[in-house]
Amino acid sequence: MTTIHCAYDEEIANNLMDYLNKKGEDSTREKDRVFTKNKVRKTTLDKFLDESELDGYSVMLSEPDTFIVAKKTSVEDFGLAQCEICGYVAFDEELFAHRRAHGI
């Protein structure tokens, strides 16, 4: 069984369920999640995104049989920044102090 989370987007979940059923998969939907009886490949989900013209969305594997379909956003979209040395993420004020710990 495969579980596919559609990041609180029930419309995408419904369209995905229809797509999988047309491809011969036995799938059901519960709110923003789609469940299939068989294992679904990432390539199948990528193809769904391409055919649905959902630009900016991607498929991420979160567990062996669980995928997440969501729009990727950067930390900058949330007003955050990332340390160039270690990747630590924080607001600019806190990151300034953090960078000083690296000697920058």
C-alpha atoms as a PDB file:
ATOM      1  CA  MET A   1       0.000   0.000   0.000  1.00  0.00           C
ATOM      2  CA  THR A   2       1.195   3.519  -0.769  1.00  0.00           C
ATOM      3  CA  THR A   3       0.110   6.697   1.005  1.00  0.00           C
ATOM      4  CA  ILE A   4       0.387  10.026  -0.804  1.00  0.00           C
ATOM      5  CA  HIS A   5      -0.017  13.242   1.201  1.00  0.00           C
ATOM      6  CA  CYS A   6      -1.051  16.230  -0.912  1.00  0.00           C
ATOM      7  CA  ALA A   7      -0.147  18.946   1.635  1.00  0.00           C
ATOM      8  CA  TYR A   8      -3.731  19.885   2.584  1.00  0.00           C
ATOM      9  CA  ASP A   9      -4.788  20.296  -1.057  1.00  0.00           C
ATOM     10  CA  GLU A  10      -7.924  18.198  -1.479  1.00  0.00           C
ATOM     11  CA  GLU A  11      -8.351  19.221  -5.126  1.00  0.00           C
ATOM     12  CA  ILE A  12      -4.941  17.804  -6.053  1.00  0.00           C
ATOM     13  CA  ALA A  13      -5.696  14.685  -4.011  1.00  0.00           C
ATOM     14  CA  ASN A  14      -8.963  14.174  -5.876  1.00  0.00           C
ATOM     15  CA  ASN A  15      -7.296  14.703  -9.271  1.00  0.00           C
ATOM     16  CA  LEU A  16      -4.488  12.312  -8.306  1.00  0.00           C
ATOM     17  CA  MET A  17      -6.950   9.637  -7.210  1.00  0.00           C
ATOM     18  CA  ASP A  18      -8.808   9.948 -10.536  1.00  0.00           C
ATOM     19  CA  TYR A  19      -5.505   9.796 -12.443  1.00  0.00           C
ATOM     20  CA  LEU A  20      -4.359   6.661 -10.607  1.00  0.00           C
ATOM     21  CA  ASN A  21      -7.722   4.947 -11.030  1.00  0.00           C
ATOM     22  CA  LYS A  22      -7.622   5.645 -14.789  1.00  0.00           C
ATOM     23  CA  LYS A  23      -4.145   4.047 -14.830  1.00  0.00           C
ATOM     24  CA  GLY A  24      -5.597   0.885 -13.262  1.00  0.00           C
ATOM     25  CA  GLU A  25      -4.564   1.544  -9.668  1.00  0.00           C
ATOM     26  CA  ASP A  26      -7.153   0.841  -7.005  1.00  0.00           C
ATOM     27  CA  SER A  27      -6.955   4.094  -5.048  1.00  0.00           C
ATOM     28  CA  THR A  28      -9.106   5.892  -2.500  1.00  0.00           C
ATOM     29  CA  ARG A  29      -8.984   9.360  -0.995  1.00  0.00           C
ATOM     30  CA  GLU A  30      -9.420  10.648   2.522  1.00  0.00           C
ATOM     31  CA  LYS A  31      -9.261  14.462   2.668  1.00  0.00           C
ATOM     32  CA  ASP A  32      -5.785  15.389   1.317  1.00  0.00           C
ATOM     33  CA  ARG A  33      -4.433  11.816   1.282  1.00  0.00           C
ATOM     34  CA  VAL A  34      -4.571   9.191  -1.435  1.00  0.00           C
ATOM     35  CA  PHE A  35      -4.179   5.511  -0.623  1.00  0.00           C
ATOM     36  CA  THR A  36      -3.384   2.773  -3.127  1.00  0.00           C
ATOM     37  CA  LYS A  37      -3.470  -0.982  -2.657  1.00  0.00           C
ATOM     38  CA  ASN A  38      -0.291  -1.449  -4.711  1.00  0.00           C
ATOM     39  CA  LYS A  39       3.057   0.266  -4.468  1.00  0.00           C
ATOM     40  CA  VAL A  40       3.186   3.396  -6.653  1.00  0.00           C
ATOM     41  CA  ARG A  41       6.446   4.552  -8.204  1.00  0.00           C
ATOM     42  CA  LYS A  42       7.720   8.097  -7.909  1.00  0.00           C
ATOM     43  CA  THR A  43       7.907   8.295 -11.696  1.00  0.00           C
ATOM     44  CA  THR A  44       4.139   7.760 -11.884  1.00  0.00           C
ATOM     45  CA  LEU A  45       3.564  10.683  -9.527  1.00  0.00           C
ATOM     46  CA  ASP A  46       6.053  12.854 -11.423  1.00  0.00           C
ATOM     47  CA  LYS A  47       4.164  12.084 -14.620  1.00  0.00           C
ATOM     48  CA  PHE A  48       0.891  13.110 -12.936  1.00  0.00           C
ATOM     49  CA  LEU A  49       2.424  16.477 -12.022  1.00  0.00           C
ATOM     50  CA  ASP A  50       3.688  16.973 -15.591  1.00  0.00           C
ATOM     51  CA  GLU A  51       0.382  16.056 -17.202  1.00  0.00           C
ATOM     52  CA  SER A  52      -1.549  18.206 -14.720  1.00  0.00           C
ATOM     53  CA  GLU A  53       0.781  21.152 -15.391  1.00  0.00           C
ATOM     54  CA  LEU A  54       1.383  21.686 -11.672  1.00  0.00           C
ATOM     55  CA  ASP A  55       4.471  23.851 -11.985  1.00  0.00           C
ATOM     56  CA  GLY A  56       6.542  24.231  -8.848  1.00  0.00           C
ATOM     57  CA  TYR A  57       5.209  21.039  -7.269  1.00  0.00           C
ATOM     58  CA  SER A  58       7.400  18.058  -6.579  1.00  0.00           C
ATOM     59  CA  VAL A  59       7.206  14.538  -5.176  1.00  0.00           C
ATOM     60  CA  MET A  60       9.240  13.707  -2.088  1.00  0.00           C
ATOM     61  CA  LEU A  61       9.640  10.291  -0.481  1.00  0.00           C
ATOM     62  CA  SER A  62       9.132  10.593   3.274  1.00  0.00           C
ATOM     63  CA  GLU A  63       8.937   6.900   4.224  1.00  0.00           C
ATOM     64  CA  PRO A  64       9.353   3.697   2.190  1.00  0.00           C
ATOM     65  CA  ASP A  65       5.676   3.691   1.151  1.00  0.00           C
ATOM     66  CA  THR A  66       4.741   7.344   1.720  1.00  0.00           C
ATOM     67  CA  PHE A  67       5.113  10.288  -0.642  1.00  0.00           C
ATOM     68  CA  ILE A  68       4.423  13.984  -0.234  1.00  0.00           C
ATOM     69  CA  VAL A  69       3.199  16.049  -3.179  1.00  0.00           C
ATOM     70  CA  ALA A  70       3.749  19.724  -2.422  1.00  0.00           C
ATOM     71  CA  LYS A  71       5.039  23.003  -3.719  1.00  0.00           C
ATOM     72  CA  LYS A  72       8.615  23.574  -2.630  1.00  0.00           C
ATOM     73  CA  THR A  73       9.418  26.895  -1.013  1.00  0.00           C
ATOM     74  CA  SER A  74      12.719  28.306   0.125  1.00  0.00           C
ATOM     75  CA  VAL A  75      13.537  29.446   3.646  1.00  0.00           C
ATOM     76  CA  GLU A  76      13.798  32.989   2.308  1.00  0.00           C
ATOM     77  CA  ASP A  77      10.049  32.910   1.561  1.00  0.00           C
ATOM     78  CA  PHE A  78       9.508  32.744   5.325  1.00  0.00           C
ATOM     79  CA  GLY A  79      11.914  35.566   6.149  1.00  0.00           C
ATOM     80  CA  LEU A  80      14.693  33.186   7.183  1.00  0.00           C
ATOM     81  CA  ALA A  81      18.320  32.904   6.099  1.00  0.00           C
ATOM     82  CA  GLN A  82      20.869  30.084   6.148  1.00  0.00           C
ATOM     83  CA  CYS A  83      24.409  29.971   7.523  1.00  0.00           C
ATOM     84  CA  GLU A  84      26.916  29.482   4.721  1.00  0.00           C
ATOM     85  CA  ILE A  85      29.192  27.361   6.932  1.00  0.00           C
ATOM     86  CA  CYS A  86      26.888  24.806   8.577  1.00  0.00           C
ATOM     87  CA  GLY A  87      23.417  25.310   7.089  1.00  0.00           C
ATOM     88  CA  TYR A  88      21.819  26.569  10.311  1.00  0.00           C
ATOM     89  CA  VAL A  89      18.533  28.398   9.555  1.00  0.00           C
ATOM     90  CA  ALA A  90      17.313  31.413  11.531  1.00  0.00           C
ATOM     91  CA  PHE A  91      16.071  34.987  11.243  1.00  0.00           C
ATOM     92  CA  ASP A  92      18.721  37.529  10.177  1.00  0.00           C
ATOM     93  CA  GLU A  93      19.270  38.951  13.668  1.00  0.00           C
ATOM     94  CA  GLU A  94      19.884  35.544  15.234  1.00  0.00           C
ATOM     95  CA  LEU A  95      21.942  34.380  12.261  1.00  0.00           C
ATOM     96  CA  PHE A  96      24.263  37.357  12.637  1.00  0.00           C
ATOM     97  CA  ALA A  97      25.168  36.180  16.170  1.00  0.00           C
ATOM     98  CA  HIS A  98      25.457  32.604  14.973  1.00  0.00           C
ATOM     99  CA  ARG A  99      27.881  33.527  12.196  1.00  0.00           C
ATOM    100  CA  ARG A 100      30.093  35.301  14.740  1.00  0.00           C
ATOM    101  CA  ALA A 101      30.480  31.957  16.526  1.00  0.00           C
ATOM    102  CA  HIS A 102      32.094  30.676  13.298  1.00  0.00           C
ATOM    103  CA  GLY A 103      34.395  33.701  13.256  1.00  0.00           C
ATOM    104  CA  ILE A 104      32.733  35.302  10.241  1.00  0.00           C
END
